[in-house]
Amino acid sequence: NDDWGTEANLDDIQIDLLPSCIPPQNINFTSVTTNSATVTWDAGGQNLWNLKYGTIGFDPNFQGTLINNISTNSTNLSSLLSGTSYDVYIQTNCGSGTLSSWTKKGFTTICSIFNIPINENFSNTPINSIPNCWARVIQGWGEAYVVPWGGNNTPNSMNMRLGSYYDTVYLITPEINQNIEDLFISFDAYTHA
């Protein structure tokens, strides 16, 4: 049969006793705005938690904002940056100095509406990604991401590649606080086969 279906690979399976203090499960984010979010999780029969958060990739051993002794399985995070990705770590405090391991989950705040002028040269955008609050729509085998070459005044540029004549790639700016009829756009473009 030529239909291989779906496959899965397993490795390094371990079976052990449950820890005495179970880490939080099912972390969710609700009411996410440009500068705040509500974090919820399953209580699991416990009633005290610690939470640490920071921008994506922060080192929870040395960085981030710590909130100790949360007595409900929900808390609001405020004073966040718009269009920014955050990591959140939560641990259960089972009392008598017993703490669970940390459970991690991430979310991104909603982007604010941008004011003009917008000047994007991709110099602060990580390679193989797109700027915060921008979007890409790819139909077919195309690609769109920042590369460390091809820029006119900076080393980085946005690479938009079509896999075939029938592919389409769109790069979409953030929402702007002006009517589109009132806007002018300019950019440098380079092509190569």
C-alpha atoms as a PDB file:
ATOM      1  CA  ASN A   1       0.000   0.000   0.000  1.00  0.00           C
ATOM      2  CA  ASP A   2       1.404   3.437  -0.974  1.00  0.00           C
ATOM      3  CA  ASP A   3      -0.593   5.230   1.744  1.00  0.00           C
ATOM      4  CA  TRP A   4       1.835   5.523   4.681  1.00  0.00           C
ATOM      5  CA  GLY A   5      -0.637   7.401   6.894  1.00  0.00           C
ATOM      6  CA  THR A   6       0.585   9.129  10.037  1.00  0.00           C
ATOM      7  CA  GLU A   7       3.574   7.906  11.986  1.00  0.00           C
ATOM      8  CA  ALA A   8       5.126   8.734  15.352  1.00  0.00           C
ATOM      9  CA  ASN A   9       8.552   7.989  16.824  1.00  0.00           C
ATOM     10  CA  LEU A  10       9.094   7.407  20.548  1.00  0.00           C
ATOM     11  CA  ASP A  11      12.396   7.443  22.427  1.00  0.00           C
ATOM     12  CA  ASP A  12      13.775   7.606  25.974  1.00  0.00           C
ATOM     13  CA  ILE A  13      10.537   6.548  27.737  1.00  0.00           C
ATOM     14  CA  GLN A  14      10.723   6.773  31.541  1.00  0.00           C
ATOM     15  CA  ILE A  15       8.180   5.623  34.117  1.00  0.00           C
ATOM     16  CA  ASP A  16       8.494   6.880  37.685  1.00  0.00           C
ATOM     17  CA  LEU A  17       6.430   7.762  40.773  1.00  0.00           C
ATOM     18  CA  LEU A  18       4.390  10.966  40.719  1.00  0.00           C
ATOM     19  CA  PRO A  19       6.160  13.836  42.465  1.00  0.00           C
ATOM     20  CA  SER A  20       4.784  14.743  45.892  1.00  0.00           C
ATOM     21  CA  CYS A  21       3.982  18.261  44.626  1.00  0.00           C
ATOM     22  CA  ILE A  22       2.305  18.250  41.197  1.00  0.00           C
ATOM     23  CA  PRO A  23       3.202  21.140  38.844  1.00  0.00           C
ATOM     24  CA  PRO A  24       0.351  23.277  37.459  1.00  0.00           C
ATOM     25  CA  GLN A  25      -1.416  21.956  34.357  1.00  0.00           C
ATOM     26  CA  ASN A  26      -3.413  23.506  31.480  1.00  0.00           C
ATOM     27  CA  ILE A  27      -2.052  27.045  31.623  1.00  0.00           C
ATOM     28  CA  ASN A  28      -4.235  29.378  29.536  1.00  0.00           C
ATOM     29  CA  PHE A  29      -4.246  33.071  28.703  1.00  0.00           C
ATOM     30  CA  THR A  30      -7.483  35.072  28.455  1.00  0.00           C
ATOM     31  CA  SER A  31      -8.364  38.744  28.124  1.00  0.00           C
ATOM     32  CA  VAL A  32      -5.080  39.414  26.309  1.00  0.00           C
ATOM     33  CA  THR A  33      -4.795  43.104  25.394  1.00  0.00           C
ATOM     34  CA  THR A  34      -1.978  45.377  24.207  1.00  0.00           C
ATOM     35  CA  ASN A  35      -0.596  45.648  27.762  1.00  0.00           C
ATOM     36  CA  SER A  36      -2.167  42.940  29.961  1.00  0.00           C
ATOM     37  CA  ALA A  37      -3.294  39.310  30.129  1.00  0.00           C
ATOM     38  CA  THR A  38      -5.039  37.018  32.582  1.00  0.00           C
ATOM     39  CA  VAL A  39      -3.294  33.702  33.315  1.00  0.00           C
ATOM     40  CA  THR A  40      -5.324  30.700  34.517  1.00  0.00           C
ATOM     41  CA  TRP A  41      -4.384  27.080  35.330  1.00  0.00           C
ATOM     42  CA  ASP A  42      -5.895  23.939  36.833  1.00  0.00           C
ATOM     43  CA  ALA A  43      -5.760  24.058  40.640  1.00  0.00           C
ATOM     44  CA  GLY A  44      -5.160  20.313  41.019  1.00  0.00           C
ATOM     45  CA  GLY A  45      -6.394  20.367  44.614  1.00  0.00           C
ATOM     46  CA  GLN A  46      -3.798  22.965  45.650  1.00  0.00           C
ATOM     47  CA  ASN A  47      -4.273  26.583  46.746  1.00  0.00           C
ATOM     48  CA  LEU A  48      -0.899  28.340  46.554  1.00  0.00           C
ATOM     49  CA  TRP A  49       1.391  29.067  43.573  1.00  0.00           C
ATOM     50  CA  ASN A  50       4.411  31.106  42.478  1.00  0.00           C
ATOM     51  CA  LEU A  51       4.573  32.711  39.021  1.00  0.00           C
ATOM     52  CA  LYS A  52       7.476  34.232  37.099  1.00  0.00           C
ATOM     53  CA  TYR A  53       7.209  35.996  33.731  1.00  0.00           C
ATOM     54  CA  GLY A  54       9.372  37.884  31.275  1.00  0.00           C
ATOM     55  CA  THR A  55       9.922  38.432  27.573  1.00  0.00           C
ATOM     56  CA  ILE A  56      10.344  35.252  25.556  1.00  0.00           C
ATOM     57  CA  GLY A  57      13.626  33.471  26.203  1.00  0.00           C
ATOM     58  CA  PHE A  58      14.367  35.132  29.555  1.00  0.00           C
ATOM     59  CA  ASP A  59      16.380  33.107  32.080  1.00  0.00           C
ATOM     60  CA  PRO A  60      13.993  32.337  34.980  1.00  0.00           C
ATOM     61  CA  ASN A  61      16.947  31.683  37.325  1.00  0.00           C
ATOM     62  CA  PHE A  62      18.191  35.267  37.060  1.00  0.00           C
ATOM     63  CA  GLN A  63      15.558  37.395  35.293  1.00  0.00           C
ATOM     64  CA  GLY A  64      11.841  38.036  35.118  1.00  0.00           C
ATOM     65  CA  THR A  65       9.145  39.311  37.442  1.00  0.00           C
ATOM     66  CA  LEU A  66       8.278  36.993  40.361  1.00  0.00           C
ATOM     67  CA  ILE A  67       4.854  36.873  42.043  1.00  0.00           C
ATOM     68  CA  ASN A  68       4.918  34.659  45.159  1.00  0.00           C
ATOM     69  CA  ASN A  69       2.072  33.034  47.085  1.00  0.00           C
ATOM     70  CA  ILE A  70      -0.810  33.485  44.643  1.00  0.00           C
ATOM     71  CA  SER A  71      -3.864  32.056  46.431  1.00  0.00           C
ATOM     72  CA  THR A  72      -6.167  31.598  43.407  1.00  0.00           C
ATOM     73  CA  ASN A  73      -5.474  29.718  40.168  1.00  0.00           C
ATOM     74  CA  SER A  74      -5.696  32.937  38.158  1.00  0.00           C
ATOM     75  CA  THR A  75      -3.774  36.207  38.094  1.00  0.00           C
ATOM     76  CA  ASN A  76      -3.582  39.320  35.933  1.00  0.00           C
ATOM     77  CA  LEU A  77      -0.312  40.464  34.375  1.00  0.00           C
ATOM     78  CA  SER A  78      -0.180  44.199  33.641  1.00  0.00           C
ATOM     79  CA  SER A  79       2.221  46.869  32.358  1.00  0.00           C
ATOM     80  CA  LEU A  80       3.221  44.599  29.465  1.00  0.00           C
ATOM     81  CA  LEU A  81       4.581  45.801  26.108  1.00  0.00           C
ATOM     82  CA  SER A  82       2.316  45.614  23.056  1.00  0.00           C
ATOM     83  CA  GLY A  83       3.063  43.069  20.340  1.00  0.00           C
ATOM     84  CA  THR A  84       5.545  41.276  22.606  1.00  0.00           C
ATOM     85  CA  SER A  85       5.945  37.564  23.316  1.00  0.00           C
ATOM     86  CA  TYR A  86       6.222  36.477  26.959  1.00  0.00           C
ATOM     87  CA  ASP A  87       7.115  33.248  28.763  1.00  0.00           C
ATOM     88  CA  VAL A  88       5.248  32.431  31.985  1.00  0.00           C
ATOM     89  CA  TYR A  89       6.498  29.895  34.550  1.00  0.00           C
ATOM     90  CA  ILE A  90       4.186  28.649  37.320  1.00  0.00           C
ATOM     91  CA  GLN A  91       4.986  26.307  40.217  1.00  0.00           C
ATOM     92  CA  THR A  92       2.794  24.847  42.950  1.00  0.00           C
ATOM     93  CA  ASN A  93       3.655  25.689  46.559  1.00  0.00           C
ATOM     94  CA  CYS A  94       2.550  22.601  48.522  1.00  0.00           C
ATOM     95  CA  GLY A  95       3.609  24.058  51.892  1.00  0.00           C
ATOM     96  CA  SER A  96       6.372  23.139  54.344  1.00  0.00           C
ATOM     97  CA  GLY A  97       8.957  24.290  51.780  1.00  0.00           C
ATOM     98  CA  THR A  98       7.792  21.768  49.156  1.00  0.00           C
ATOM     99  CA  LEU A  99       7.639  23.246  45.642  1.00  0.00           C
ATOM    100  CA  SER A 100       6.795  21.627  42.321  1.00  0.00           C
ATOM    101  CA  SER A 101       8.886  21.983  39.210  1.00  0.00           C
ATOM    102  CA  TRP A 102       8.029  24.975  37.015  1.00  0.00           C
ATOM    103  CA  THR A 103       5.519  24.648  34.149  1.00  0.00           C
ATOM    104  CA  LYS A 104       6.122  27.014  31.221  1.00  0.00           C
ATOM    105  CA  LYS A 105       3.832  28.440  28.562  1.00  0.00           C
ATOM    106  CA  GLY A 106       4.030  31.523  26.337  1.00  0.00           C
ATOM    107  CA  PHE A 107       1.691  34.139  24.873  1.00  0.00           C
ATOM    108  CA  THR A 108       1.913  37.348  22.832  1.00  0.00           C
ATOM    109  CA  THR A 109       0.176  40.627  23.630  1.00  0.00           C
ATOM    110  CA  ILE A 110      -1.953  42.291  20.959  1.00  0.00           C
ATOM    111  CA  CYS A 111      -0.261  44.888  18.789  1.00  0.00           C
ATOM    112  CA  SER A 112      -1.109  48.551  19.187  1.00  0.00           C
ATOM    113  CA  ILE A 113      -2.188  50.502  16.129  1.00  0.00           C
ATOM    114  CA  PHE A 114       0.967  52.013  14.620  1.00  0.00           C
ATOM    115  CA  ASN A 115       1.461  55.719  14.035  1.00  0.00           C
ATOM    116  CA  ILE A 116       3.154  56.944  10.877  1.00  0.00           C
ATOM    117  CA  PRO A 117       5.845  57.237   9.785  1.00  0.00           C
ATOM    118  CA  ILE A 118       6.909  53.591   9.896  1.00  0.00           C
ATOM    119  CA  ASN A 119      10.559  52.993   9.053  1.00  0.00           C
ATOM    120  CA  GLU A 120      11.446  49.290   8.982  1.00  0.00           C
ATOM    121  CA  ASN A 121      14.944  48.229   7.917  1.00  0.00           C
ATOM    122  CA  PHE A 122      14.789  44.780   9.634  1.00  0.00           C
ATOM    123  CA  SER A 123      18.008  45.449  11.599  1.00  0.00           C
ATOM    124  CA  ASN A 124      16.314  44.584  14.935  1.00  0.00           C
ATOM    125  CA  THR A 125      14.429  41.553  13.621  1.00  0.00           C
ATOM    126  CA  PRO A 126      15.891  38.113  14.355  1.00  0.00           C
ATOM    127  CA  ILE A 127      17.107  36.180  11.317  1.00  0.00           C
ATOM    128  CA  ASN A 128      14.519  33.718   9.866  1.00  0.00           C
ATOM    129  CA  SER A 129      11.567  35.624  11.343  1.00  0.00           C
ATOM    130  CA  ILE A 130       9.444  38.691  10.635  1.00  0.00           C
ATOM    131  CA  PRO A 131       9.085  41.874  12.736  1.00  0.00           C
ATOM    132  CA  ASN A 132       6.614  41.911  15.627  1.00  0.00           C
ATOM    133  CA  CYS A 133       3.124  42.948  14.541  1.00  0.00           C
ATOM    134  CA  TRP A 134       3.825  42.204  10.862  1.00  0.00           C
ATOM    135  CA  ALA A 135       2.243  39.198   9.152  1.00  0.00           C
ATOM    136  CA  ARG A 136       2.915  37.020   6.145  1.00  0.00           C
ATOM    137  CA  VAL A 137       0.494  35.095   3.996  1.00  0.00           C
ATOM    138  CA  ILE A 138       1.985  32.323   1.888  1.00  0.00           C
ATOM    139  CA  GLN A 139       0.037  30.453  -0.773  1.00  0.00           C
ATOM    140  CA  GLY A 140       1.959  27.549  -2.248  1.00  0.00           C
ATOM    141  CA  TRP A 141       5.655  26.946  -1.609  1.00  0.00           C
ATOM    142  CA  GLY A 142       6.784  30.537  -1.023  1.00  0.00           C
ATOM    143  CA  GLU A 143       8.674  31.957   1.959  1.00  0.00           C
ATOM    144  CA  ALA A 144       9.114  35.324   3.688  1.00  0.00           C
ATOM    145  CA  TYR A 145      11.657  35.950   6.456  1.00  0.00           C
ATOM    146  CA  VAL A 146      14.564  38.198   7.432  1.00  0.00           C
ATOM    147  CA  VAL A 147      18.021  37.253   6.131  1.00  0.00           C
ATOM    148  CA  PRO A 148      21.437  38.691   7.089  1.00  0.00           C
ATOM    149  CA  TRP A 149      22.223  40.001   3.603  1.00  0.00           C
ATOM    150  CA  GLY A 150      20.791  42.139   0.805  1.00  0.00           C
ATOM    151  CA  GLY A 151      20.038  45.296   2.790  1.00  0.00           C
ATOM    152  CA  ASN A 152      20.675  48.697   1.258  1.00  0.00           C
ATOM    153  CA  ASN A 153      21.646  50.604   4.427  1.00  0.00           C
ATOM    154  CA  THR A 154      21.659  47.766   6.987  1.00  0.00           C
ATOM    155  CA  PRO A 155      22.916  44.201   6.839  1.00  0.00           C
ATOM    156  CA  ASN A 156      19.454  42.608   7.054  1.00  0.00           C
ATOM    157  CA  SER A 157      16.636  42.459   4.506  1.00  0.00           C
ATOM    158  CA  MET A 158      13.256  40.762   4.091  1.00  0.00           C
ATOM    159  CA  ASN A 159      13.599  37.800   1.746  1.00  0.00           C
ATOM    160  CA  MET A 160      10.423  36.915  -0.154  1.00  0.00           C
ATOM    161  CA  ARG A 161      10.789  33.815  -2.278  1.00  0.00           C
ATOM    162  CA  LEU A 162       8.385  32.073  -4.638  1.00  0.00           C
ATOM    163  CA  GLY A 163       8.676  28.331  -5.175  1.00  0.00           C
ATOM    164  CA  SER A 164       6.944  28.505  -8.537  1.00  0.00           C
ATOM    165  CA  TYR A 165       5.107  30.880 -10.859  1.00  0.00           C
ATOM    166  CA  TYR A 166       1.810  29.940  -9.150  1.00  0.00           C
ATOM    167  CA  ASP A 167       2.897  30.807  -5.591  1.00  0.00           C
ATOM    168  CA  THR A 168       1.959  34.033  -3.793  1.00  0.00           C
ATOM    169  CA  VAL A 169       3.685  35.706  -0.849  1.00  0.00           C
ATOM    170  CA  TYR A 170       2.237  38.724   0.981  1.00  0.00           C
ATOM    171  CA  LEU A 171       4.049  40.770   3.626  1.00  0.00           C
ATOM    172  CA  ILE A 172       1.471  42.658   5.704  1.00  0.00           C
ATOM    173  CA  THR A 173       2.344  45.746   7.754  1.00  0.00           C
ATOM    174  CA  PRO A 174       0.891  46.374  11.207  1.00  0.00           C
ATOM    175  CA  GLU A 175      -2.407  48.235  11.409  1.00  0.00           C
ATOM    176  CA  ILE A 176      -1.804  51.942  10.782  1.00  0.00           C
ATOM    177  CA  ASN A 177      -3.850  54.867  12.140  1.00  0.00           C
ATOM    178  CA  GLN A 178      -4.407  56.459   8.687  1.00  0.00           C
ATOM    179  CA  ASN A 179      -6.654  55.841   5.692  1.00  0.00           C
ATOM    180  CA  ILE A 180      -4.819  53.830   3.053  1.00  0.00           C
ATOM    181  CA  GLU A 181      -5.664  56.465   0.438  1.00  0.00           C
ATOM    182  CA  ASP A 182      -3.502  58.945   2.397  1.00  0.00           C
ATOM    183  CA  LEU A 183      -0.377  56.773   2.520  1.00  0.00           C
ATOM    184  CA  PHE A 184       2.736  56.582   0.374  1.00  0.00           C
ATOM    185  CA  ILE A 185       5.072  53.575   0.513  1.00  0.00           C
ATOM    186  CA  SER A 186       8.626  53.292  -0.741  1.00  0.00           C
ATOM    187  CA  PHE A 187      11.144  50.482  -0.507  1.00  0.00           C
ATOM    188  CA  ASP A 188      14.321  49.124  -2.075  1.00  0.00           C
ATOM    189  CA  ALA A 189      13.955  45.852  -3.972  1.00  0.00           C
ATOM    190  CA  TYR A 190      16.526  43.479  -5.374  1.00  0.00           C
ATOM    191  CA  THR A 191      15.770  40.419  -7.450  1.00  0.00           C
ATOM    192  CA  HIS A 192      17.813  37.366  -8.297  1.00  0.00           C
ATOM    193  CA  ALA A 193      17.029  33.982  -9.735  1.00  0.00           C
END
